[in-house]
């Protein structure tokens, strides 16, 4: 029998005080609006088969739920497994917004397990390009950025080590690396995968820190940064390359103080990967900016 693991990050939900402001922000980022039912707006990347972000109206911006993709045949096994851990699956009033199994983690975060086919990550190798002889590459670049897929997200959580243990025990997520005292990065499924699809940041209370969407390379990251700035969302950080996971990045701040990221060229891990604890800086370029890591980037502005 296969090991019981979630296969991927399927999406998440946010409550926002103004859905139209959120629509404009995420639309500028390159996500397309999907079906809007009962006040819930769905947003999708280019290769998504269903809405990855669900936006719900609320008094404040706050994390509403997490959603992980599982094999459909594993849903009954997950229900039995969760009950064995003392976690009772439930049917919240909003359960219609995503199919599958719902439960609350010990800190009150709603988690959804939904049937979803896993899509392998892009190869770690750059695509082969024809020799640039008698060509103007800059004239051929696609400048309108629409991300390929949701790659990962990080949330703030109290009881950081207990939360890491819970998500490992309950969902089969495996820790791939840690930034000592700050972040645990976790991968889903088996076989070769992105270095992480989920992460936990130690904080005073639960909250959404950032979500990251895959694009094809550094040009798409650069054009994405311009796209956001031209749309009036000029506050961001990058481009750069991370240390842990090695991915290229650009972060744009949303209207409520959290972040969304374009990423490319992330490390892949196999079953042989061994997690390590690191004390290195979070990125290797650009120049070190302490406010990014210690204050602005890690400011949990959600209400308790």
C-alpha atoms as a PDB file:
ATOM      1  CA  UNK A   1       0.000   0.000   0.000  1.00  0.00           C
ATOM      2  CA  UNK A   2       1.327   3.444  -0.892  1.00  0.00           C
ATOM      3  CA  UNK A   3       2.551   5.779   1.833  1.00  0.00           C
ATOM      4  CA  UNK A   4      -0.210   8.188   2.818  1.00  0.00           C
ATOM      5  CA  UNK A   5       0.920  11.642   1.708  1.00  0.00           C
ATOM      6  CA  UNK A   6      -0.682  14.698   0.237  1.00  0.00           C
ATOM      7  CA  UNK A   7       0.570  15.115  -3.325  1.00  0.00           C
ATOM      8  CA  UNK A   8       0.741  18.877  -3.817  1.00  0.00           C
ATOM      9  CA  UNK A   9      -0.419  22.259  -2.628  1.00  0.00           C
ATOM     10  CA  UNK A  10      -3.776  22.712  -4.351  1.00  0.00           C
ATOM     11  CA  UNK A  11      -4.546  26.246  -3.201  1.00  0.00           C
ATOM     12  CA  UNK A  12      -5.613  28.453  -0.341  1.00  0.00           C
ATOM     13  CA  UNK A  13      -8.274  30.931   0.655  1.00  0.00           C
ATOM     14  CA  UNK A  14      -8.027  34.496   1.886  1.00  0.00           C
ATOM     15  CA  UNK A  15     -10.603  36.756   3.450  1.00  0.00           C
ATOM     16  CA  UNK A  16     -10.168  40.301   2.140  1.00  0.00           C
ATOM     17  CA  UNK A  17     -11.977  43.543   3.009  1.00  0.00           C
ATOM     18  CA  UNK A  18     -12.347  44.457  -0.679  1.00  0.00           C
ATOM     19  CA  UNK A  19     -12.606  41.663  -3.242  1.00  0.00           C
ATOM     20  CA  UNK A  20     -12.343  44.124  -6.149  1.00  0.00           C
ATOM     21  CA  UNK A  21      -9.035  45.493  -4.861  1.00  0.00           C
ATOM     22  CA  UNK A  22      -7.785  41.912  -4.574  1.00  0.00           C
ATOM     23  CA  UNK A  23      -9.044  41.132  -8.080  1.00  0.00           C
ATOM     24  CA  UNK A  24      -7.047  44.064  -9.456  1.00  0.00           C
ATOM     25  CA  UNK A  25      -3.892  43.088  -7.568  1.00  0.00           C
ATOM     26  CA  UNK A  26      -3.890  39.422  -8.505  1.00  0.00           C
ATOM     27  CA  UNK A  27      -5.043  40.207 -12.030  1.00  0.00           C
ATOM     28  CA  UNK A  28      -2.045  42.498 -12.438  1.00  0.00           C
ATOM     29  CA  UNK A  29       0.146  39.642 -11.174  1.00  0.00           C
ATOM     30  CA  UNK A  30      -1.179  37.524 -14.030  1.00  0.00           C
ATOM     31  CA  UNK A  31      -3.856  35.345 -12.439  1.00  0.00           C
ATOM     32  CA  UNK A  32      -7.169  34.943 -14.225  1.00  0.00           C
ATOM     33  CA  UNK A  33     -10.532  35.264 -12.492  1.00  0.00           C
ATOM     34  CA  UNK A  34     -12.489  32.018 -12.566  1.00  0.00           C
ATOM     35  CA  UNK A  35     -16.070  31.351 -11.505  1.00  0.00           C
ATOM     36  CA  UNK A  36     -17.478  33.713  -8.915  1.00  0.00           C
ATOM     37  CA  UNK A  37     -20.115  31.988  -6.803  1.00  0.00           C
ATOM     38  CA  UNK A  38     -21.854  33.280  -3.680  1.00  0.00           C
ATOM     39  CA  UNK A  39     -19.355  36.110  -3.301  1.00  0.00           C
ATOM     40  CA  UNK A  40     -16.310  33.830  -3.566  1.00  0.00           C
ATOM     41  CA  UNK A  41     -13.875  34.779  -6.335  1.00  0.00           C
ATOM     42  CA  UNK A  42     -11.554  32.115  -7.739  1.00  0.00           C
ATOM     43  CA  UNK A  43      -8.179  32.922  -9.301  1.00  0.00           C
ATOM     44  CA  UNK A  44      -6.091  30.612 -11.450  1.00  0.00           C
ATOM     45  CA  UNK A  45      -2.691  30.442 -13.093  1.00  0.00           C
ATOM     46  CA  UNK A  46      -2.154  29.412 -16.694  1.00  0.00           C
ATOM     47  CA  UNK A  47      -1.965  25.643 -16.159  1.00  0.00           C
ATOM     48  CA  UNK A  48      -4.388  25.319 -13.252  1.00  0.00           C
ATOM     49  CA  UNK A  49      -7.294  22.920 -13.584  1.00  0.00           C
ATOM     50  CA  UNK A  50      -9.262  24.659 -10.822  1.00  0.00           C
ATOM     51  CA  UNK A  51      -9.063  27.867  -8.806  1.00  0.00           C
ATOM     52  CA  UNK A  52      -5.898  28.025  -6.716  1.00  0.00           C
ATOM     53  CA  UNK A  53      -6.775  31.155  -4.723  1.00  0.00           C
ATOM     54  CA  UNK A  54     -10.267  31.687  -3.366  1.00  0.00           C
ATOM     55  CA  UNK A  55     -11.088  35.202  -2.166  1.00  0.00           C
ATOM     56  CA  UNK A  56     -13.892  35.652   0.354  1.00  0.00           C
ATOM     57  CA  UNK A  57     -15.194  38.955   1.762  1.00  0.00           C
ATOM     58  CA  UNK A  58     -14.192  39.700   5.353  1.00  0.00           C
ATOM     59  CA  UNK A  59     -13.527  42.572   7.744  1.00  0.00           C
ATOM     60  CA  UNK A  60      -9.769  42.076   7.564  1.00  0.00           C
ATOM     61  CA  UNK A  61      -7.331  40.319   5.284  1.00  0.00           C
ATOM     62  CA  UNK A  62      -6.750  36.943   6.856  1.00  0.00           C
ATOM     63  CA  UNK A  63      -5.867  33.367   5.940  1.00  0.00           C
ATOM     64  CA  UNK A  64      -9.107  31.439   5.476  1.00  0.00           C
ATOM     65  CA  UNK A  65      -7.932  27.927   4.616  1.00  0.00           C
ATOM     66  CA  UNK A  66      -5.242  25.711   3.132  1.00  0.00           C
ATOM     67  CA  UNK A  67      -5.914  23.105   0.442  1.00  0.00           C
ATOM     68  CA  UNK A  68      -3.742  20.127  -0.476  1.00  0.00           C
ATOM     69  CA  UNK A  69      -4.233  17.777  -3.405  1.00  0.00           C
ATOM     70  CA  UNK A  70      -4.542  14.043  -2.731  1.00  0.00           C
ATOM     71  CA  UNK A  71      -5.282  10.925  -4.727  1.00  0.00           C
ATOM     72  CA  UNK A  72      -9.064  10.534  -4.722  1.00  0.00           C
ATOM     73  CA  UNK A  73      -8.716   6.948  -3.475  1.00  0.00           C
ATOM     74  CA  UNK A  74      -6.772   8.222  -0.445  1.00  0.00           C
ATOM     75  CA  UNK A  75      -9.579  10.401   0.953  1.00  0.00           C
ATOM     76  CA  UNK A  76     -11.154   7.584   3.043  1.00  0.00           C
ATOM     77  CA  UNK A  77      -7.686   6.621   4.281  1.00  0.00           C
ATOM     78  CA  UNK A  78      -6.981  10.212   5.297  1.00  0.00           C
ATOM     79  CA  UNK A  79     -10.279  10.398   7.175  1.00  0.00           C
ATOM     80  CA  UNK A  80      -9.420   7.261   9.135  1.00  0.00           C
ATOM     81  CA  UNK A  81      -5.856   8.452   9.682  1.00  0.00           C
ATOM     82  CA  UNK A  82      -6.945  11.868  10.990  1.00  0.00           C
ATOM     83  CA  UNK A  83      -9.448  10.327  13.379  1.00  0.00           C
ATOM     84  CA  UNK A  84      -6.640   8.144  14.699  1.00  0.00           C
ATOM     85  CA  UNK A  85      -4.704  11.326  15.496  1.00  0.00           C
ATOM     86  CA  UNK A  86      -7.702  12.759  17.343  1.00  0.00           C
ATOM     87  CA  UNK A  87      -8.565  15.157  14.510  1.00  0.00           C
ATOM     88  CA  UNK A  88     -12.229  14.976  13.566  1.00  0.00           C
ATOM     89  CA  UNK A  89     -13.067  15.816   9.938  1.00  0.00           C
ATOM     90  CA  UNK A  90     -15.890  18.334   9.750  1.00  0.00           C
ATOM     91  CA  UNK A  91     -18.230  20.071   7.316  1.00  0.00           C
ATOM     92  CA  UNK A  92     -17.936  23.833   7.828  1.00  0.00           C
ATOM     93  CA  UNK A  93     -20.689  26.013   6.432  1.00  0.00           C
ATOM     94  CA  UNK A  94     -18.381  27.078   3.595  1.00  0.00           C
ATOM     95  CA  UNK A  95     -17.293  23.524   2.655  1.00  0.00           C
ATOM     96  CA  UNK A  96     -18.963  23.819  -0.757  1.00  0.00           C
ATOM     97  CA  UNK A  97     -16.188  26.125  -1.974  1.00  0.00           C
ATOM     98  CA  UNK A  98     -13.803  23.165  -2.378  1.00  0.00           C
ATOM     99  CA  UNK A  99     -14.588  19.479  -2.795  1.00  0.00           C
ATOM    100  CA  UNK A 100     -13.088  16.937  -0.428  1.00  0.00           C
ATOM    101  CA  UNK A 101     -12.341  16.538   3.267  1.00  0.00           C
ATOM    102  CA  UNK A 102     -12.169  19.414   5.763  1.00  0.00           C
ATOM    103  CA  UNK A 103     -10.634  19.604   9.242  1.00  0.00           C
ATOM    104  CA  UNK A 104      -9.081  22.155  11.596  1.00  0.00           C
ATOM    105  CA  UNK A 105      -5.475  21.975  12.695  1.00  0.00           C
ATOM    106  CA  UNK A 106      -4.713  22.489  16.422  1.00  0.00           C
ATOM    107  CA  UNK A 107      -4.339  26.248  15.885  1.00  0.00           C
ATOM    108  CA  UNK A 108      -7.714  26.771  14.239  1.00  0.00           C
ATOM    109  CA  UNK A 109      -6.596  26.788  10.593  1.00  0.00           C
ATOM    110  CA  UNK A 110      -9.050  25.092   8.260  1.00  0.00           C
ATOM    111  CA  UNK A 111      -7.388  22.515   6.001  1.00  0.00           C
ATOM    112  CA  UNK A 112      -8.961  20.972   2.909  1.00  0.00           C
ATOM    113  CA  UNK A 113      -7.883  17.744   1.210  1.00  0.00           C
ATOM    114  CA  UNK A 114      -9.190  17.692  -2.345  1.00  0.00           C
ATOM    115  CA  UNK A 115      -8.839  15.175  -5.165  1.00  0.00           C
ATOM    116  CA  UNK A 116      -6.186  16.560  -7.500  1.00  0.00           C
ATOM    117  CA  UNK A 117      -3.856  15.106 -10.083  1.00  0.00           C
ATOM    118  CA  UNK A 118      -0.222  15.903  -9.344  1.00  0.00           C
ATOM    119  CA  UNK A 119       1.635  17.842 -12.024  1.00  0.00           C
ATOM    120  CA  UNK A 120       5.394  17.198 -12.082  1.00  0.00           C
ATOM    121  CA  UNK A 121       7.573  20.271 -11.534  1.00  0.00           C
ATOM    122  CA  UNK A 122       9.489  21.720 -14.460  1.00  0.00           C
ATOM    123  CA  UNK A 123      12.912  20.256 -15.053  1.00  0.00           C
ATOM    124  CA  UNK A 124      15.782  21.718 -13.075  1.00  0.00           C
ATOM    125  CA  UNK A 125      17.676  22.042 -16.356  1.00  0.00           C
ATOM    126  CA  UNK A 126      17.202  25.234 -18.391  1.00  0.00           C
ATOM    127  CA  UNK A 127      15.413  24.698 -21.719  1.00  0.00           C
ATOM    128  CA  UNK A 128      17.629  24.175 -24.723  1.00  0.00           C
ATOM    129  CA  UNK A 129      17.690  27.289 -26.898  1.00  0.00           C
ATOM    130  CA  UNK A 130      18.672  27.601 -30.516  1.00  0.00           C
ATOM    131  CA  UNK A 131      21.959  29.440 -31.048  1.00  0.00           C
ATOM    132  CA  UNK A 132      21.392  33.171 -31.003  1.00  0.00           C
ATOM    133  CA  UNK A 133      22.941  33.805 -34.385  1.00  0.00           C
ATOM    134  CA  UNK A 134      21.388  36.500 -36.574  1.00  0.00           C
ATOM    135  CA  UNK A 135      18.563  36.940 -34.047  1.00  0.00           C
ATOM    136  CA  UNK A 136      17.308  39.661 -31.723  1.00  0.00           C
ATOM    137  CA  UNK A 137      16.289  37.682 -28.639  1.00  0.00           C
ATOM    138  CA  UNK A 138      14.867  40.759 -26.949  1.00  0.00           C
ATOM    139  CA  UNK A 139      12.288  41.038 -29.726  1.00  0.00           C
ATOM    140  CA  UNK A 140      11.153  37.452 -29.114  1.00  0.00           C
ATOM    141  CA  UNK A 141      10.614  37.560 -25.345  1.00  0.00           C
ATOM    142  CA  UNK A 142       7.069  37.220 -24.033  1.00  0.00           C
ATOM    143  CA  UNK A 143       6.600  40.332 -21.916  1.00  0.00           C
ATOM    144  CA  UNK A 144       3.066  39.692 -20.635  1.00  0.00           C
ATOM    145  CA  UNK A 145       3.509  37.441 -17.623  1.00  0.00           C
ATOM    146  CA  UNK A 146       0.961  34.827 -16.645  1.00  0.00           C
ATOM    147  CA  UNK A 147       2.369  32.339 -14.108  1.00  0.00           C
ATOM    148  CA  UNK A 148       2.324  28.622 -14.872  1.00  0.00           C
ATOM    149  CA  UNK A 149       1.109  27.229 -11.561  1.00  0.00           C
ATOM    150  CA  UNK A 150       0.988  27.693  -7.813  1.00  0.00           C
ATOM    151  CA  UNK A 151       4.253  26.387  -6.402  1.00  0.00           C
ATOM    152  CA  UNK A 152       4.302  26.981  -2.661  1.00  0.00           C
ATOM    153  CA  UNK A 153       3.107  29.084   0.243  1.00  0.00           C
ATOM    154  CA  UNK A 154       4.333  29.910   3.731  1.00  0.00           C
ATOM    155  CA  UNK A 155       2.267  30.693   6.806  1.00  0.00           C
ATOM    156  CA  UNK A 156       3.070  32.109  10.211  1.00  0.00           C
ATOM    157  CA  UNK A 157       2.332  29.818  13.113  1.00  0.00           C
ATOM    158  CA  UNK A 158       2.828  29.708  16.872  1.00  0.00           C
ATOM    159  CA  UNK A 159       4.313  26.515  18.370  1.00  0.00           C
ATOM    160  CA  UNK A 160       6.520  26.275  15.305  1.00  0.00           C
ATOM    161  CA  UNK A 161       8.077  22.891  16.068  1.00  0.00           C
ATOM    162  CA  UNK A 162       4.726  21.381  17.074  1.00  0.00           C
ATOM    163  CA  UNK A 163       3.162  22.680  13.857  1.00  0.00           C
ATOM    164  CA  UNK A 164       5.934  21.101  11.780  1.00  0.00           C
ATOM    165  CA  UNK A 165       5.379  17.797  13.550  1.00  0.00           C
ATOM    166  CA  UNK A 166       1.597  18.001  13.101  1.00  0.00           C
ATOM    167  CA  UNK A 167       1.745  18.650   9.352  1.00  0.00           C
ATOM    168  CA  UNK A 168       4.255  15.838   8.966  1.00  0.00           C
ATOM    169  CA  UNK A 169       2.169  13.359  10.971  1.00  0.00           C
ATOM    170  CA  UNK A 170      -1.237  14.390   9.613  1.00  0.00           C
ATOM    171  CA  UNK A 171      -0.453  15.018   5.947  1.00  0.00           C
ATOM    172  CA  UNK A 172       2.789  13.188   5.283  1.00  0.00           C
ATOM    173  CA  UNK A 173       4.643  16.389   4.416  1.00  0.00           C
ATOM    174  CA  UNK A 174       8.390  15.885   4.805  1.00  0.00           C
ATOM    175  CA  UNK A 175      10.731  18.593   6.018  1.00  0.00           C
ATOM    176  CA  UNK A 176      13.407  19.318   3.419  1.00  0.00           C
ATOM    177  CA  UNK A 177      15.369  22.093   5.173  1.00  0.00           C
ATOM    178  CA  UNK A 178      15.100  24.611   7.985  1.00  0.00           C
ATOM    179  CA  UNK A 179      16.359  28.126   8.586  1.00  0.00           C
ATOM    180  CA  UNK A 180      17.232  27.694  12.243  1.00  0.00           C
ATOM    181  CA  UNK A 181      14.614  29.224  14.509  1.00  0.00           C
ATOM    182  CA  UNK A 182      12.696  30.766  11.600  1.00  0.00           C
ATOM    183  CA  UNK A 183      11.352  28.539   8.834  1.00  0.00           C
ATOM    184  CA  UNK A 184      10.635  24.875   8.109  1.00  0.00           C
ATOM    185  CA  UNK A 185      10.295  24.017   4.407  1.00  0.00           C
ATOM    186  CA  UNK A 186       8.192  20.958   3.538  1.00  0.00           C
ATOM    187  CA  UNK A 187       7.613  18.888   0.377  1.00  0.00           C
ATOM    188  CA  UNK A 188       4.596  16.824  -0.606  1.00  0.00           C
ATOM    189  CA  UNK A 189       4.318  13.445  -2.278  1.00  0.00           C
ATOM    190  CA  UNK A 190       6.991  10.985  -3.372  1.00  0.00           C
ATOM    191  CA  UNK A 191       9.693  10.955  -6.004  1.00  0.00           C
ATOM    192  CA  UNK A 192      11.391  14.017  -7.473  1.00  0.00           C
ATOM    193  CA  UNK A 193       9.594  17.172  -6.369  1.00  0.00           C
ATOM    194  CA  UNK A 194      10.094  20.894  -5.898  1.00  0.00           C
ATOM    195  CA  UNK A 195      12.221  21.488  -2.794  1.00  0.00           C
ATOM    196  CA  UNK A 196       9.071  22.656  -0.993  1.00  0.00           C
ATOM    197  CA  UNK A 197       5.409  23.349  -1.557  1.00  0.00           C
ATOM    198  CA  UNK A 198       4.649  24.530   1.984  1.00  0.00           C
ATOM    199  CA  UNK A 199       6.457  26.212   4.819  1.00  0.00           C
ATOM    200  CA  UNK A 200       5.983  27.307   8.414  1.00  0.00           C
ATOM    201  CA  UNK A 201       7.414  30.527   9.836  1.00  0.00           C
ATOM    202  CA  UNK A 202       7.614  30.978  13.571  1.00  0.00           C
ATOM    203  CA  UNK A 203       5.312  33.819  14.637  1.00  0.00           C
ATOM    204  CA  UNK A 204       3.099  35.058  17.416  1.00  0.00           C
ATOM    205  CA  UNK A 205      -0.092  33.886  15.688  1.00  0.00           C
ATOM    206  CA  UNK A 206      -1.387  32.276  12.551  1.00  0.00           C
ATOM    207  CA  UNK A 207      -1.205  34.282   9.339  1.00  0.00           C
ATOM    208  CA  UNK A 208      -0.504  34.240   5.614  1.00  0.00           C
ATOM    209  CA  UNK A 209       3.075  35.197   4.739  1.00  0.00           C
ATOM    210  CA  UNK A 210       3.402  34.631   0.999  1.00  0.00           C
ATOM    211  CA  UNK A 211       2.398  32.474  -1.946  1.00  0.00           C
ATOM    212  CA  UNK A 212       4.649  31.765  -4.906  1.00  0.00           C
ATOM    213  CA  UNK A 213       3.853  31.034  -8.546  1.00  0.00           C
ATOM    214  CA  UNK A 214       6.178  29.409 -11.040  1.00  0.00           C
ATOM    215  CA  UNK A 215       7.294  31.255 -14.187  1.00  0.00           C
ATOM    216  CA  UNK A 216       9.718  30.175 -16.885  1.00  0.00           C
ATOM    217  CA  UNK A 217      12.864  32.086 -15.966  1.00  0.00           C
ATOM    218  CA  UNK A 218      14.608  35.306 -15.039  1.00  0.00           C
ATOM    219  CA  UNK A 219      13.079  37.292 -17.911  1.00  0.00           C
ATOM    220  CA  UNK A 220       9.566  36.391 -16.777  1.00  0.00           C
ATOM    221  CA  UNK A 221      10.514  37.408 -13.244  1.00  0.00           C
ATOM    222  CA  UNK A 222      11.858  40.728 -14.500  1.00  0.00           C
ATOM    223  CA  UNK A 223       8.872  41.414 -16.717  1.00  0.00           C
ATOM    224  CA  UNK A 224       6.590  40.389 -13.837  1.00  0.00           C
ATOM    225  CA  UNK A 225       8.221  42.964 -11.583  1.00  0.00           C
ATOM    226  CA  UNK A 226       7.693  45.624 -14.273  1.00  0.00           C
ATOM    227  CA  UNK A 227       4.128  44.454 -14.800  1.00  0.00           C
ATOM    228  CA  UNK A 228       3.329  44.971 -11.129  1.00  0.00           C
ATOM    229  CA  UNK A 229       5.043  48.364 -10.983  1.00  0.00           C
ATOM    230  CA  UNK A 230       3.239  49.592 -14.097  1.00  0.00           C
ATOM    231  CA  UNK A 231      -0.044  48.533 -12.483  1.00  0.00           C
ATOM    232  CA  UNK A 232       0.735  50.707  -9.454  1.00  0.00           C
ATOM    233  CA  UNK A 233       1.999  47.950  -7.131  1.00  0.00           C
ATOM    234  CA  UNK A 234       5.544  49.216  -6.860  1.00  0.00           C
ATOM    235  CA  UNK A 235       6.548  47.890  -3.442  1.00  0.00           C
ATOM    236  CA  UNK A 236       8.557  44.704  -3.820  1.00  0.00           C
ATOM    237  CA  UNK A 237      11.859  42.959  -3.294  1.00  0.00           C
ATOM    238  CA  UNK A 238      14.220  41.412  -5.829  1.00  0.00           C
ATOM    239  CA  UNK A 239      14.946  40.039  -8.290  1.00  0.00           C
ATOM    240  CA  UNK A 240      17.326  37.734  -6.493  1.00  0.00           C
ATOM    241  CA  UNK A 241      18.309  34.147  -5.832  1.00  0.00           C
ATOM    242  CA  UNK A 242      17.487  32.401  -2.589  1.00  0.00           C
ATOM    243  CA  UNK A 243      19.946  30.336  -0.588  1.00  0.00           C
ATOM    244  CA  UNK A 244      17.741  27.480   0.687  1.00  0.00           C
ATOM    245  CA  UNK A 245      15.994  25.970  -2.395  1.00  0.00           C
ATOM    246  CA  UNK A 246      18.128  28.172  -4.706  1.00  0.00           C
ATOM    247  CA  UNK A 247      15.166  29.607  -6.625  1.00  0.00           C
ATOM    248  CA  UNK A 248      15.143  32.939  -8.419  1.00  0.00           C
ATOM    249  CA  UNK A 249      12.525  35.322  -7.036  1.00  0.00           C
ATOM    250  CA  UNK A 250      10.699  38.604  -7.064  1.00  0.00           C
ATOM    251  CA  UNK A 251       8.225  39.501  -4.293  1.00  0.00           C
ATOM    252  CA  UNK A 252       5.427  42.041  -4.632  1.00  0.00           C
ATOM    253  CA  UNK A 253       3.602  43.311  -1.568  1.00  0.00           C
ATOM    254  CA  UNK A 254      -0.183  43.011  -1.646  1.00  0.00           C
ATOM    255  CA  UNK A 255      -2.502  45.832  -0.532  1.00  0.00           C
ATOM    256  CA  UNK A 256      -2.696  44.339   2.994  1.00  0.00           C
ATOM    257  CA  UNK A 257       0.986  43.856   3.717  1.00  0.00           C
ATOM    258  CA  UNK A 258       1.562  40.237   2.678  1.00  0.00           C
ATOM    259  CA  UNK A 259       3.492  39.073  -0.365  1.00  0.00           C
ATOM    260  CA  UNK A 260       3.192  37.199  -3.634  1.00  0.00           C
ATOM    261  CA  UNK A 261       6.216  35.828  -5.466  1.00  0.00           C
ATOM    262  CA  UNK A 262       7.269  34.904  -8.965  1.00  0.00           C
ATOM    263  CA  UNK A 263       9.798  32.068  -8.813  1.00  0.00           C
ATOM    264  CA  UNK A 264      11.831  29.940 -11.221  1.00  0.00           C
ATOM    265  CA  UNK A 265      14.688  27.436 -11.190  1.00  0.00           C
ATOM    266  CA  UNK A 266      14.052  25.800  -7.803  1.00  0.00           C
ATOM    267  CA  UNK A 267      16.071  22.848  -6.494  1.00  0.00           C
ATOM    268  CA  UNK A 268      14.367  19.461  -6.777  1.00  0.00           C
ATOM    269  CA  UNK A 269      14.533  16.752  -4.108  1.00  0.00           C
ATOM    270  CA  UNK A 270      14.205  12.983  -4.251  1.00  0.00           C
ATOM    271  CA  UNK A 271      13.491  10.370  -1.593  1.00  0.00           C
ATOM    272  CA  UNK A 272      17.231  10.388  -0.821  1.00  0.00           C
ATOM    273  CA  UNK A 273      17.253  14.051   0.243  1.00  0.00           C
ATOM    274  CA  UNK A 274      18.343  14.739   3.822  1.00  0.00           C
ATOM    275  CA  UNK A 275      17.064  17.862   5.565  1.00  0.00           C
ATOM    276  CA  UNK A 276      19.577  20.203   7.179  1.00  0.00           C
ATOM    277  CA  UNK A 277      19.410  23.133   9.573  1.00  0.00           C
ATOM    278  CA  UNK A 278      20.932  26.291   8.107  1.00  0.00           C
ATOM    279  CA  UNK A 279      22.114  29.586   9.574  1.00  0.00           C
ATOM    280  CA  UNK A 280      22.871  31.186   6.197  1.00  0.00           C
ATOM    281  CA  UNK A 281      21.237  34.310   4.827  1.00  0.00           C
ATOM    282  CA  UNK A 282      17.941  33.723   2.978  1.00  0.00           C
ATOM    283  CA  UNK A 283      19.333  34.807  -0.403  1.00  0.00           C
ATOM    284  CA  UNK A 284      22.723  34.981  -2.082  1.00  0.00           C
ATOM    285  CA  UNK A 285      21.993  38.043  -4.214  1.00  0.00           C
ATOM    286  CA  UNK A 286      21.109  40.969  -4.349  1.00  0.00           C
ATOM    287  CA  UNK A 287      22.871  42.884  -1.606  1.00  0.00           C
ATOM    288  CA  UNK A 288      21.790  41.936   1.904  1.00  0.00           C
ATOM    289  CA  UNK A 289      18.880  44.029   3.175  1.00  0.00           C
ATOM    290  CA  UNK A 290      18.144  43.227   6.836  1.00  0.00           C
ATOM    291  CA  UNK A 291      14.726  44.865   6.792  1.00  0.00           C
ATOM    292  CA  UNK A 292      13.560  42.279   4.243  1.00  0.00           C
ATOM    293  CA  UNK A 293      14.272  39.270   6.454  1.00  0.00           C
ATOM    294  CA  UNK A 294      13.842  40.602   9.964  1.00  0.00           C
ATOM    295  CA  UNK A 295      11.020  43.101   9.656  1.00  0.00           C
ATOM    296  CA  UNK A 296       8.955  43.797   6.541  1.00  0.00           C
ATOM    297  CA  UNK A 297       9.064  40.318   5.064  1.00  0.00           C
ATOM    298  CA  UNK A 298       8.239  38.681   8.371  1.00  0.00           C
ATOM    299  CA  UNK A 299       5.606  41.136   9.589  1.00  0.00           C
ATOM    300  CA  UNK A 300       2.388  39.285  10.356  1.00  0.00           C
ATOM    301  CA  UNK A 301      -0.220  41.996   9.879  1.00  0.00           C
ATOM    302  CA  UNK A 302      -3.227  39.724  10.252  1.00  0.00           C
ATOM    303  CA  UNK A 303      -5.401  40.127  13.344  1.00  0.00           C
ATOM    304  CA  UNK A 304      -5.009  37.466  15.978  1.00  0.00           C
END
